[in-house]
Amino acid sequence: MAQIRRASQTFEEKQSSEGELIEAAPLPTPLPKTQLAILLLVQMPEQLTASVIYPFVNQLVRSTGITGGDERKTGYYAGLIESLYYAVEAITILQWGRVSDRIGRKPVILVGLFGVTLSIVSFGFSNQFWMIILSRCAQGALNGNIGVVKSTMTEITDASNVAQAFAWLPLAWGTGYTLGFLIGGVLSDPADKWPNSVGHYPLFHRYPYFLPCIVAASVSTFSWLITLVFFKESMRSTASKNRSVSHSDNTKKSPMRAATIHYQPGDTQIDTLPHVLDEAEIASPVSCSLESTRTDFRAILIPGVMIPVLHYGLLSFVDQCMLVLVPLMYSTSRSLGGLGFSSNTIGLVMSVWSMLNGMTQVYMFPRLLRKFGPKRLYIISFAFFLITFSTFPLMGYMAKRKMEAGMWLILCLQLVAYIAAYITYSCIILYVNNGAPNKDLLGATNGLAQMLGSLMRAVGPTVVSSLFALSLEKDLLGGTAVYWIMCTIVMVILGCSTYLPKTLTWTSL
C-alpha cells in the first residue's frame, strides 16, 4: 500500500492518560484519478464478457438440441456452461496473481484482456455444445485480472482513501454487467429481429449469437489499447527498491507508522501509534527479504487472511447463485413457475439493475461504512439476500395468476434488495486487502481470494441450476425448493460472519 502522505493531512493531537496514544483526524489523500479510471476500465470487460451470455444462454442451450426438447433440463446444461468459466479461472487465478508479484501488474493485465477478447469471439462462433464448453474454458483460463486489479488499487492508494477507491469498483462491475446484459439481450439473434437488414447476411443466420460477442470483444480490445498506452506500472521493481533502500541509508531515516482505522457510528477515527525503526530493521534491506516474501505462500495462510478469504468465497457462491437464477427463472415458462420473459426483456431488466447498482455503490458505500463500520455493514447487507431469494416464488405465483402489477412490484423490490446485498463486496474486499501481510504478498493474497471465489462461482451455477431443474421435475415444495434452500444457506453464512474483525488495520510497510 502506498505510504500515508502525512503532509496532506490535518492533525488534531491530544495526549491520552498514559501519554502514549496520539489521535488524529486526517484529510483523505486525493485519488490518482487517471490510473484508477484505467483500472476500472480494465475490470469492466471481465463482467461484460461473463454476463453477455446470460440473456440468451438458455435459448442457446435449447438450440443445440442437447436437452432433447425437454425445457426442464435446460438448467443442467446452462449451469455447466456458466460454471466452467469460474472453475478454470479458479485453477489459474492464483498463479496469475503470483506472476504479477514477480513481473509486474501491467503485463498480466494486458495478457488477461487479450485472452478475454479471443475467447469471447470464439464463443460467438460456437453453435455446438462442445464448442461452447471449450470457448468458456479458454475465457476462464486466460483471464486473471480481477485479483491483479485489486492489488494494484491497493498499491496506488493509502489508508486515508482506500475505501473511497474501492467504492468505485462495483461501478466498474455494474457498468460491465449493464452493458453485457443489454448487449446480450438486444443483439442476440439479430437476423430474426431485423430480417430486412441484418437478416440479409448468412453469417448471422448460422451464428445467431455472434453479434453480441463481437461487440463485447471490441470493448475488451479498447481497454487493452488504453492500458498499453496510458497505464503506469504500480509495483516498483526490485532494482528500484534497492536504489530506494541504498538512498535511504545515506539520508536520515524517517519514522514508519502503523495506522489502525476504527470505523465507529457517525465518525471515522485513526489512532496512530508512532514506531521508530530499530537497528535490526534499519540494517535489513528490503531487497534481502523480497524474494522470500514473494515466494513464501505460507505467509498468507493466517487467520487475518483466511477468514476474509473464506467469506469472499461464500459471498461469491451466493451471489453467483442469484445471478444464475434471475435469467433462468425469468426465462422459464409461467406454467412451470417462471415469468416467461424474452431475452430482450431479461437483458433490459438486468441492465437497469446493474446501472442503478453501480451508481449506488459509489455514492453510498463510503457513507455507510463510516456509519456502521465494516462488520455491521457486511452483516446487514448480506441479510438482504434473504429477500432476493424469497421473492422468486412470490413472483412465480403472481405470474401464474396474471397479476402483472403485483409481479412487477415484487420484481422491483427484489432488484432493490439485490443492490443492498451487493454492498458486501466492497466490505469483504477491504478485509482481504487489509489482511495481506505485506505489499509483496498483495497479489498472492488477492489471487487466493479470487481462486476461492472463482471455485465457488464454478460450483454455484451447477448446484443452483440443478436444484432448480430438480425442484421442477420432482415438484419439490411446488417447484420452489431451490429458493428456500438458498435462504437457509444465507442464514448459515450470516452466523459465520461473527468471526470477521470489527476494525480494519492498515500498516505502512
Protein backbone atom coordinates (compact mmCIF):
# COMPACT_ATOMS: atom_id res chain seq x y z
CA MET A 1 0.00 0.00 0.00
CA ALA A 2 1.24 3.49 -0.75
CA GLN A 3 2.83 5.23 2.25
CA ILE A 4 0.45 7.55 4.09
CA ARG A 5 1.18 11.08 3.00
CA ARG A 6 1.32 12.95 6.25
CA ALA A 7 1.96 16.30 4.56
CA SER A 8 -1.55 16.31 3.09
CA GLN A 9 -3.32 15.62 6.35
CA THR A 10 -4.51 17.93 9.12
CA PHE A 11 -3.83 16.52 12.57
CA GLU A 12 -5.59 17.11 15.85
CA GLU A 13 -3.45 15.52 18.53
CA LYS A 14 -4.20 15.10 22.19
CA GLN A 15 -2.33 13.23 24.90
CA SER A 16 -4.08 10.22 26.47
CA SER A 17 -3.99 9.44 30.19
CA GLU A 18 -0.94 7.24 29.68
CA GLY A 19 0.69 9.80 27.41
CA GLU A 20 1.19 7.25 24.64
CA LEU A 21 -1.79 7.47 22.26
CA ILE A 22 -1.97 10.10 19.52
CA GLU A 23 -5.38 10.62 17.92
CA ALA A 24 -5.63 12.24 14.50
CA ALA A 25 -8.36 13.18 12.03
CA PRO A 26 -6.71 13.06 8.60
CA LEU A 27 -7.89 14.57 5.38
CA PRO A 28 -8.04 11.90 2.66
CA THR A 29 -5.28 11.90 0.07
CA PRO A 30 -6.57 12.82 -3.43
CA LEU A 31 -7.22 9.75 -5.54
CA PRO A 32 -4.94 9.06 -8.55
CA LYS A 33 -7.85 9.58 -10.89
CA THR A 34 -6.25 8.66 -14.21
CA GLN A 35 -4.75 5.39 -13.03
CA LEU A 36 -7.90 4.49 -11.09
CA ALA A 37 -10.06 5.16 -14.16
CA ILE A 38 -7.86 2.87 -16.27
CA LEU A 39 -8.12 0.11 -13.66
CA LEU A 40 -11.90 0.42 -13.68
CA LEU A 41 -11.82 0.24 -17.49
CA VAL A 42 -9.66 -2.90 -17.21
CA GLN A 43 -12.08 -4.54 -14.79
CA MET A 44 -15.20 -3.85 -16.84
CA PRO A 45 -14.61 -6.31 -19.76
CA GLU A 46 -14.50 -9.32 -17.42
CA GLN A 47 -18.02 -8.65 -16.16
CA LEU A 48 -19.18 -7.69 -19.64
CA THR A 49 -17.93 -10.85 -21.34
CA ALA A 50 -19.11 -13.03 -18.45
CA SER A 51 -22.63 -11.53 -18.40
CA VAL A 52 -23.25 -11.01 -22.12
CA ILE A 53 -24.30 -14.67 -22.43
CA TYR A 54 -26.86 -14.63 -19.60
CA PRO A 55 -29.84 -13.21 -21.55
CA PHE A 56 -29.53 -15.88 -24.28
CA VAL A 57 -27.64 -18.81 -22.74
CA ASN A 58 -30.80 -20.77 -22.01
CA GLN A 59 -32.05 -20.29 -25.58
CA LEU A 60 -28.57 -21.21 -26.86
CA VAL A 61 -28.60 -24.46 -24.89
CA ARG A 62 -32.01 -25.40 -26.26
CA SER A 63 -30.92 -24.58 -29.83
CA THR A 64 -28.05 -27.08 -29.65
CA GLY A 65 -30.53 -29.91 -29.07
CA ILE A 66 -28.65 -31.16 -26.01
CA THR A 67 -31.85 -31.10 -23.90
CA GLY A 68 -33.79 -33.35 -26.28
CA GLY A 69 -36.64 -30.83 -26.32
CA ASP A 70 -37.27 -31.01 -22.55
CA GLU A 71 -37.27 -27.42 -21.25
CA ARG A 72 -36.96 -28.57 -17.63
CA LYS A 73 -33.44 -29.93 -18.34
CA THR A 74 -32.11 -26.58 -19.57
CA GLY A 75 -30.81 -25.70 -16.12
CA TYR A 76 -28.38 -28.62 -16.02
CA TYR A 77 -26.54 -27.63 -19.20
CA ALA A 78 -26.79 -23.86 -18.76
CA GLY A 79 -25.33 -24.25 -15.28
CA LEU A 80 -22.42 -26.27 -16.66
CA ILE A 81 -21.57 -23.53 -19.18
CA GLU A 82 -21.67 -20.87 -16.51
CA SER A 83 -19.68 -22.95 -14.03
CA LEU A 84 -16.80 -23.96 -16.27
CA TYR A 85 -15.61 -20.38 -16.72
CA TYR A 86 -15.13 -19.95 -12.98
CA ALA A 87 -13.83 -23.48 -12.46
CA VAL A 88 -10.94 -22.93 -14.87
CA GLU A 89 -10.37 -19.43 -13.53
CA ALA A 90 -10.08 -20.89 -10.02
CA ILE A 91 -7.23 -23.12 -11.22
CA THR A 92 -5.27 -20.28 -12.84
CA ILE A 93 -6.14 -17.10 -10.90
CA LEU A 94 -3.71 -17.63 -8.03
CA GLN A 95 -0.86 -18.21 -10.46
CA TRP A 96 -1.70 -15.01 -12.34
CA GLY A 97 -1.54 -13.13 -9.03
CA ARG A 98 1.83 -14.61 -8.13
CA VAL A 99 3.18 -13.91 -11.61
CA SER A 100 2.12 -10.28 -11.24
CA ASP A 101 4.08 -10.12 -7.97
CA ARG A 102 7.19 -11.01 -9.98
CA ILE A 103 6.93 -9.38 -13.40
CA GLY A 104 4.55 -6.53 -12.59
CA ARG A 105 0.83 -5.83 -12.85
CA LYS A 106 0.71 -4.32 -16.34
CA PRO A 107 1.94 -7.35 -18.36
CA VAL A 108 -0.55 -9.67 -16.63
CA ILE A 109 -3.40 -7.20 -17.19
CA LEU A 110 -2.59 -6.97 -20.91
CA VAL A 111 -2.46 -10.76 -21.28
CA GLY A 112 -5.80 -11.06 -19.48
CA LEU A 113 -7.55 -8.54 -21.74
CA PHE A 114 -6.14 -10.21 -24.85
CA GLY A 115 -7.33 -13.61 -23.65
CA VAL A 116 -10.82 -12.32 -22.92
CA THR A 117 -11.06 -10.87 -26.42
CA LEU A 118 -10.07 -14.08 -28.19
CA SER A 119 -12.27 -16.36 -26.09
CA ILE A 120 -15.48 -14.34 -26.40
CA VAL A 121 -15.05 -14.17 -30.21
CA SER A 122 -14.66 -17.95 -30.19
CA PHE A 123 -17.85 -18.24 -28.12
CA GLY A 124 -19.74 -16.25 -30.75
CA PHE A 125 -18.75 -18.78 -33.42
CA SER A 126 -19.85 -21.73 -31.28
CA ASN A 127 -23.08 -23.45 -32.32
CA GLN A 128 -22.45 -26.89 -30.83
CA PHE A 129 -22.31 -27.73 -27.16
CA TRP A 130 -18.69 -28.94 -27.11
CA MET A 131 -17.53 -25.75 -28.84
CA ILE A 132 -19.35 -23.66 -26.24
CA ILE A 133 -17.62 -25.58 -23.46
CA LEU A 134 -14.13 -25.11 -24.94
CA SER A 135 -14.63 -21.37 -25.50
CA ARG A 136 -15.90 -20.84 -21.97
CA CYS A 137 -12.94 -22.74 -20.50
CA ALA A 138 -10.47 -20.65 -22.51
CA GLN A 139 -12.07 -17.47 -21.23
CA GLY A 140 -11.59 -18.57 -17.63
CA ALA A 141 -8.01 -19.73 -18.14
CA LEU A 142 -6.75 -16.56 -19.83
CA ASN A 143 -8.37 -14.01 -17.55
CA GLY A 144 -6.64 -13.30 -14.24
CA ASN A 145 -7.27 -9.59 -13.97
CA ILE A 146 -9.70 -9.25 -11.11
CA GLY A 147 -7.21 -10.18 -8.39
CA VAL A 148 -4.43 -8.17 -10.02
CA VAL A 149 -6.65 -5.09 -10.30
CA LYS A 150 -7.48 -5.25 -6.58
CA SER A 151 -3.77 -5.49 -5.71
CA THR A 152 -2.99 -2.54 -7.96
CA MET A 153 -5.74 -0.40 -6.43
CA THR A 154 -4.28 -1.07 -3.00
CA GLU A 155 -0.81 -0.04 -4.21
CA ILE A 156 -1.92 3.30 -5.67
CA THR A 157 -3.92 4.31 -2.57
CA ASP A 158 -3.27 4.72 1.15
CA ALA A 159 -5.21 4.30 4.39
CA SER A 160 -6.99 7.63 4.00
CA ASN A 161 -8.55 6.97 0.58
CA VAL A 162 -8.56 3.21 0.05
CA ALA A 163 -12.26 2.86 0.96
CA GLN A 164 -13.15 5.63 -1.46
CA ALA A 165 -11.16 3.93 -4.24
CA PHE A 166 -12.71 0.51 -3.69
CA ALA A 167 -16.19 2.06 -3.64
CA TRP A 168 -15.69 2.68 -7.37
CA LEU A 169 -15.00 -0.98 -8.11
CA PRO A 170 -18.69 -2.02 -8.05
CA LEU A 171 -19.33 0.77 -10.55
CA ALA A 172 -16.97 -0.96 -13.00
CA TRP A 173 -18.69 -4.27 -12.29
CA GLY A 174 -22.10 -2.68 -12.64
CA THR A 175 -21.16 -0.99 -15.91
CA GLY A 176 -19.80 -4.25 -17.27
CA TYR A 177 -22.91 -6.15 -16.23
CA THR A 178 -25.17 -3.40 -17.58
CA LEU A 179 -23.50 -3.42 -20.99
CA GLY A 180 -23.30 -7.22 -21.00
CA PHE A 181 -26.97 -7.76 -20.20
CA LEU A 182 -28.02 -5.02 -22.63
CA ILE A 183 -25.80 -6.20 -25.50
CA GLY A 184 -26.68 -9.85 -24.95
CA GLY A 185 -30.40 -9.18 -24.76
CA VAL A 186 -30.78 -6.69 -27.61
CA LEU A 187 -28.25 -8.02 -30.14
CA SER A 188 -28.82 -11.79 -29.79
CA ASP A 189 -30.31 -13.49 -32.87
CA PRO A 190 -30.32 -10.26 -34.92
CA ALA A 191 -31.35 -11.98 -38.16
CA ASP A 192 -34.68 -12.90 -36.58
CA LYS A 193 -35.20 -9.47 -35.01
CA TRP A 194 -34.24 -7.42 -38.07
CA PRO A 195 -34.87 -9.67 -41.10
CA ASN A 196 -34.91 -6.78 -43.59
CA SER A 197 -31.43 -5.54 -42.68
CA VAL A 198 -29.22 -7.88 -40.68
CA GLY A 199 -31.22 -10.84 -41.97
CA HIS A 200 -29.61 -10.46 -45.40
CA TYR A 201 -26.26 -11.71 -44.04
CA PRO A 202 -25.94 -15.52 -43.81
CA LEU A 203 -23.33 -15.15 -41.02
CA PHE A 204 -25.98 -14.09 -38.52
CA HIS A 205 -28.31 -16.94 -39.50
CA ARG A 206 -25.58 -19.51 -38.96
CA TYR A 207 -24.21 -17.86 -35.80
CA PRO A 208 -27.17 -16.07 -34.15
CA TYR A 209 -25.15 -15.03 -31.08
CA PHE A 210 -22.01 -13.82 -32.84
CA LEU A 211 -23.03 -10.12 -32.92
CA PRO A 212 -23.27 -9.59 -29.11
CA CYS A 213 -19.98 -11.48 -28.66
CA ILE A 214 -18.05 -9.40 -31.20
CA VAL A 215 -19.38 -6.17 -29.69
CA ALA A 216 -18.22 -7.35 -26.25
CA ALA A 217 -14.82 -8.22 -27.73
CA SER A 218 -14.48 -4.71 -29.16
CA VAL A 219 -14.88 -3.22 -25.68
CA SER A 220 -12.14 -5.50 -24.37
CA THR A 221 -9.89 -4.50 -27.27
CA PHE A 222 -10.41 -0.82 -26.47
CA SER A 223 -9.47 -1.44 -22.83
CA TRP A 224 -6.32 -3.28 -23.96
CA LEU A 225 -5.20 -0.32 -26.10
CA ILE A 226 -5.83 2.24 -23.34
CA THR A 227 -3.90 0.12 -20.83
CA LEU A 228 -0.99 -0.38 -23.20
CA VAL A 229 -0.57 3.33 -23.87
CA PHE A 230 -1.53 5.09 -20.64
CA PHE A 231 -1.29 2.74 -17.67
CA LYS A 232 1.76 3.10 -15.42
CA GLU A 233 3.17 0.10 -13.59
CA SER A 234 2.17 0.37 -9.90
CA MET A 235 4.59 -2.19 -8.48
CA ARG A 236 8.15 -0.99 -8.05
CA SER A 237 10.78 -3.31 -9.47
CA THR A 238 13.39 -4.95 -7.31
CA ALA A 239 16.01 -2.67 -8.76
CA SER A 240 14.10 0.48 -7.84
CA LYS A 241 13.52 -0.87 -4.34
CA ASN A 242 17.25 -1.49 -3.96
CA ARG A 243 18.02 2.05 -5.10
CA SER A 244 15.45 3.38 -2.67
CA VAL A 245 16.97 1.46 0.22
CA SER A 246 20.50 2.49 -0.78
CA HIS A 247 19.47 6.12 -0.91
CA SER A 248 17.77 5.90 2.46
CA ASP A 249 20.97 4.58 4.03
CA ASN A 250 22.69 7.87 3.18
CA THR A 251 19.91 10.06 4.48
CA LYS A 252 18.08 10.48 7.74
CA LYS A 253 15.64 7.68 8.35
CA SER A 254 12.00 8.76 8.66
CA PRO A 255 9.88 7.06 11.29
CA MET A 256 7.46 4.46 9.98
CA ARG A 257 3.98 4.41 11.44
CA ALA A 258 1.22 1.89 11.80
CA ALA A 259 -2.30 3.23 11.41
CA THR A 260 -5.36 1.47 12.77
CA ILE A 261 -8.65 2.54 11.20
CA HIS A 262 -11.63 2.23 13.51
CA TYR A 263 -14.99 2.76 11.88
CA GLN A 264 -17.42 3.97 14.50
CA PRO A 265 -21.05 5.03 14.14
CA GLY A 266 -21.14 8.58 12.86
CA ASP A 267 -17.39 9.04 12.87
CA THR A 268 -14.13 7.81 11.46
CA GLN A 269 -11.09 7.89 13.69
CA ILE A 270 -7.48 6.96 13.09
CA ASP A 271 -5.34 6.09 16.05
CA THR A 272 -1.68 6.49 15.16
CA LEU A 273 0.99 4.77 17.19
CA PRO A 274 4.48 6.03 16.31
CA HIS A 275 7.06 3.36 15.69
CA VAL A 276 10.71 4.19 15.00
CA LEU A 277 12.82 1.62 13.21
CA ASP A 278 15.26 -0.17 15.46
CA GLU A 279 18.82 -1.00 14.41
CA ALA A 280 17.93 -4.51 13.24
CA GLU A 281 15.18 -3.18 10.98
CA ILE A 282 17.44 -0.48 9.56
CA ALA A 283 20.21 -2.98 8.85
CA SER A 284 17.87 -5.32 6.98
CA PRO A 285 17.34 -4.03 3.44
CA VAL A 286 14.03 -4.57 1.70
CA SER A 287 15.70 -6.43 -1.12
CA CYS A 288 17.07 -9.09 1.21
CA SER A 289 13.63 -10.38 2.08
CA LEU A 290 11.87 -9.50 -1.17
CA GLU A 291 12.21 -12.84 -2.91
CA SER A 292 11.46 -14.85 0.21
CA THR A 293 8.26 -12.94 0.95
CA ARG A 294 7.13 -13.28 -2.62
CA THR A 295 7.67 -16.99 -2.80
CA ASP A 296 6.65 -17.95 0.72
CA PHE A 297 3.00 -18.74 0.09
CA ARG A 298 2.62 -19.97 3.66
CA ALA A 299 2.88 -16.38 4.87
CA ILE A 300 -0.72 -15.69 3.78
CA LEU A 301 -2.16 -18.81 5.40
CA ILE A 302 -3.01 -16.91 8.59
CA PRO A 303 -6.38 -16.14 10.23
CA GLY A 304 -6.20 -12.47 9.22
CA VAL A 305 -6.16 -13.55 5.59
CA MET A 306 -8.08 -16.82 5.62
CA ILE A 307 -11.22 -15.60 7.43
CA PRO A 308 -11.94 -12.79 4.91
CA VAL A 309 -10.95 -15.06 2.02
CA LEU A 310 -13.41 -17.74 3.16
CA HIS A 311 -16.17 -15.16 3.43
CA TYR A 312 -15.30 -13.86 -0.02
CA GLY A 313 -15.75 -17.40 -1.34
CA LEU A 314 -19.10 -17.84 0.40
CA LEU A 315 -20.31 -14.46 -0.85
CA SER A 316 -19.26 -15.39 -4.39
CA PHE A 317 -21.25 -18.63 -4.16
CA VAL A 318 -24.45 -16.93 -3.01
CA ASP A 319 -24.14 -14.06 -5.49
CA GLN A 320 -23.47 -16.39 -8.41
CA CYS A 321 -26.48 -18.50 -7.48
CA MET A 322 -28.60 -15.37 -7.53
CA LEU A 323 -27.13 -14.24 -10.84
CA VAL A 324 -27.90 -17.64 -12.41
CA LEU A 325 -31.42 -17.88 -11.01
CA VAL A 326 -32.50 -14.49 -12.36
CA PRO A 327 -32.31 -15.30 -16.12
CA LEU A 328 -33.17 -18.95 -15.54
CA MET A 329 -36.37 -18.23 -13.61
CA TYR A 330 -37.25 -15.19 -15.72
CA SER A 331 -36.99 -17.19 -18.98
CA THR A 332 -38.88 -20.27 -17.73
CA SER A 333 -42.48 -20.51 -18.89
CA ARG A 334 -45.18 -19.37 -16.49
CA SER A 335 -46.77 -22.79 -16.36
CA LEU A 336 -43.57 -24.05 -14.68
CA GLY A 337 -43.38 -21.19 -12.17
CA GLY A 338 -41.27 -18.74 -14.20
CA LEU A 339 -42.04 -15.35 -15.70
CA GLY A 340 -41.82 -16.26 -19.40
CA PHE A 341 -39.64 -13.27 -20.30
CA SER A 342 -37.88 -12.97 -23.68
CA SER A 343 -34.12 -12.43 -23.94
CA ASN A 344 -34.82 -8.76 -24.72
CA THR A 345 -36.81 -8.25 -21.52
CA ILE A 346 -34.27 -10.14 -19.40
CA GLY A 347 -31.41 -8.07 -20.81
CA LEU A 348 -33.20 -4.78 -20.19
CA VAL A 349 -34.23 -5.68 -16.63
CA MET A 350 -30.77 -6.85 -15.66
CA SER A 351 -29.05 -3.88 -17.30
CA VAL A 352 -31.24 -1.41 -15.41
CA TRP A 353 -30.38 -3.21 -12.17
CA SER A 354 -26.66 -3.12 -12.98
CA MET A 355 -26.69 0.59 -13.79
CA LEU A 356 -28.50 1.51 -10.57
CA ASN A 357 -26.29 -0.85 -8.59
CA GLY A 358 -23.05 0.74 -9.81
CA MET A 359 -24.17 4.29 -9.00
CA THR A 360 -25.50 3.28 -5.59
CA GLN A 361 -22.25 1.59 -4.55
CA VAL A 362 -20.13 4.63 -5.41
CA TYR A 363 -22.20 7.16 -3.51
CA MET A 364 -23.49 5.08 -0.61
CA PHE A 365 -20.69 2.72 0.41
CA PRO A 366 -18.23 5.23 1.95
CA ARG A 367 -21.05 6.87 3.94
CA LEU A 368 -22.49 3.58 5.14
CA LEU A 369 -19.02 2.33 6.06
CA ARG A 370 -18.39 5.37 8.25
CA LYS A 371 -21.78 4.99 9.91
CA PHE A 372 -21.94 1.25 10.57
CA GLY A 373 -18.35 0.02 10.35
CA PRO A 374 -17.18 -2.84 8.09
CA LYS A 375 -18.53 -5.76 10.12
CA ARG A 376 -22.02 -4.43 10.82
CA LEU A 377 -22.38 -3.19 7.25
CA TYR A 378 -21.32 -6.60 5.90
CA ILE A 379 -23.87 -8.46 8.05
CA ILE A 380 -26.73 -6.06 7.32
CA SER A 381 -26.04 -6.09 3.57
CA PHE A 382 -25.70 -9.87 3.39
CA ALA A 383 -29.08 -10.30 5.10
CA PHE A 384 -30.75 -8.69 2.06
CA PHE A 385 -30.05 -11.90 0.12
CA LEU A 386 -32.91 -13.42 2.13
CA ILE A 387 -35.28 -11.01 0.38
CA THR A 388 -33.80 -11.61 -3.07
CA PHE A 389 -34.32 -15.38 -2.92
CA SER A 390 -37.68 -15.38 -1.13
CA THR A 391 -39.28 -13.11 -3.73
CA PHE A 392 -38.82 -15.66 -6.56
CA PRO A 393 -41.72 -17.96 -5.57
CA LEU A 394 -43.95 -14.94 -4.89
CA MET A 395 -43.32 -13.60 -8.40
CA GLY A 396 -43.98 -17.03 -9.90
CA TYR A 397 -47.27 -17.26 -8.01
CA MET A 398 -48.40 -13.86 -9.30
CA ALA A 399 -47.27 -14.60 -12.87
CA LYS A 400 -49.35 -17.80 -12.98
CA ARG A 401 -52.42 -15.85 -11.95
CA LYS A 402 -51.66 -12.96 -14.33
CA MET A 403 -51.27 -10.44 -11.52
CA GLU A 404 -48.94 -8.30 -13.66
CA ALA A 405 -48.80 -5.18 -11.48
CA GLY A 406 -48.04 -7.16 -8.35
CA MET A 407 -45.42 -9.25 -10.16
CA TRP A 408 -43.53 -6.18 -11.38
CA LEU A 409 -43.75 -4.56 -7.95
CA ILE A 410 -42.17 -7.61 -6.31
CA LEU A 411 -39.56 -7.75 -9.08
CA CYS A 412 -38.57 -4.14 -8.33
CA LEU A 413 -38.36 -5.00 -4.62
CA GLN A 414 -36.10 -7.93 -5.44
CA LEU A 415 -33.72 -5.79 -7.50
CA VAL A 416 -33.51 -3.11 -4.80
CA ALA A 417 -32.70 -5.78 -2.22
CA TYR A 418 -30.04 -7.18 -4.56
CA ILE A 419 -28.42 -3.73 -4.78
CA ALA A 420 -28.30 -3.54 -0.98
CA ALA A 421 -26.81 -7.04 -0.78
CA TYR A 422 -24.09 -6.12 -3.28
CA ILE A 423 -22.51 -3.72 -0.77
CA THR A 424 -20.98 -6.81 0.87
CA TYR A 425 -18.41 -6.99 -1.94
CA SER A 426 -16.84 -3.64 -1.10
CA CYS A 427 -16.69 -4.62 2.57
CA ILE A 428 -15.05 -8.00 2.05
CA ILE A 429 -12.54 -6.67 -0.50
CA LEU A 430 -11.31 -4.20 2.13
CA TYR A 431 -10.98 -7.05 4.62
CA VAL A 432 -8.97 -9.17 2.15
CA ASN A 433 -6.53 -6.40 1.26
CA ASN A 434 -6.25 -5.35 4.89
CA GLY A 435 -5.20 -8.90 5.83
CA ALA A 436 -2.23 -9.07 3.42
CA PRO A 437 0.98 -9.49 5.49
CA ASN A 438 2.92 -7.04 3.29
CA LYS A 439 2.85 -5.30 -0.08
CA ASP A 440 4.80 -8.03 -1.85
CA LEU A 441 2.08 -10.56 -0.99
CA LEU A 442 -0.85 -8.45 -2.14
CA GLY A 443 -1.02 -10.27 -5.46
CA ALA A 444 -0.88 -13.69 -3.80
CA THR A 445 -3.48 -12.66 -1.20
CA ASN A 446 -5.93 -11.38 -3.81
CA GLY A 447 -5.10 -14.35 -6.01
CA LEU A 448 -6.01 -16.72 -3.20
CA ALA A 449 -9.27 -14.88 -2.58
CA GLN A 450 -10.12 -14.84 -6.25
CA MET A 451 -9.18 -18.50 -6.63
CA LEU A 452 -11.62 -19.49 -3.90
CA GLY A 453 -14.20 -17.03 -5.25
CA SER A 454 -13.87 -18.49 -8.73
CA LEU A 455 -14.12 -22.02 -7.34
CA MET A 456 -17.34 -21.14 -5.53
CA ARG A 457 -18.66 -19.36 -8.62
CA ALA A 458 -17.94 -22.55 -10.54
CA VAL A 459 -19.86 -24.65 -8.03
CA GLY A 460 -22.73 -22.19 -7.69
CA PRO A 461 -24.28 -22.36 -11.19
CA THR A 462 -24.15 -26.17 -11.33
CA VAL A 463 -25.63 -26.54 -7.86
CA VAL A 464 -28.39 -23.95 -8.14
CA SER A 465 -29.41 -24.73 -11.73
CA SER A 466 -29.53 -28.44 -10.92
CA LEU A 467 -31.62 -27.71 -7.82
CA PHE A 468 -33.87 -25.54 -9.98
CA ALA A 469 -34.36 -28.33 -12.53
CA LEU A 470 -34.80 -30.95 -9.81
CA SER A 471 -37.38 -28.80 -8.00
CA LEU A 472 -39.42 -28.60 -11.19
CA GLU A 473 -39.03 -32.25 -12.22
CA LYS A 474 -39.91 -33.61 -8.76
CA ASP A 475 -42.30 -30.76 -7.88
CA LEU A 476 -40.45 -30.19 -4.60
CA LEU A 477 -42.41 -27.67 -2.49
CA GLY A 478 -44.38 -26.79 -5.58
CA GLY A 479 -41.18 -26.30 -7.60
CA THR A 480 -39.83 -23.67 -5.17
CA ALA A 481 -37.49 -25.81 -3.04
CA VAL A 482 -34.37 -24.24 -4.57
CA TYR A 483 -35.27 -20.79 -3.23
CA TRP A 484 -35.80 -21.94 0.35
CA ILE A 485 -32.57 -23.95 0.28
CA MET A 486 -30.71 -20.78 -0.71
CA CYS A 487 -32.37 -18.83 2.11
CA THR A 488 -31.14 -21.48 4.56
CA ILE A 489 -27.58 -21.19 3.21
CA VAL A 490 -27.70 -17.40 3.61
CA MET A 491 -28.71 -17.72 7.27
CA VAL A 492 -25.85 -20.16 7.96
CA ILE A 493 -23.32 -17.75 6.40
CA LEU A 494 -24.72 -14.89 8.45
CA GLY A 495 -23.97 -16.91 11.58
CA CYS A 496 -20.36 -17.41 10.45
CA SER A 497 -19.84 -13.69 9.80
CA THR A 498 -19.33 -13.06 13.53
CA TYR A 499 -15.71 -14.20 13.09
CA LEU A 500 -14.82 -11.16 10.98
CA PRO A 501 -12.79 -8.49 12.85
CA LYS A 502 -14.61 -5.33 13.89
CA THR A 503 -11.94 -2.92 12.61
CA LEU A 504 -9.56 -2.55 9.68
CA THR A 505 -5.86 -2.08 10.45
CA TRP A 506 -3.59 -0.70 7.76
CA THR A 507 0.18 -0.77 8.16
CA SER A 508 2.61 1.20 6.02
CA LEU A 509 5.25 -1.30 5.01
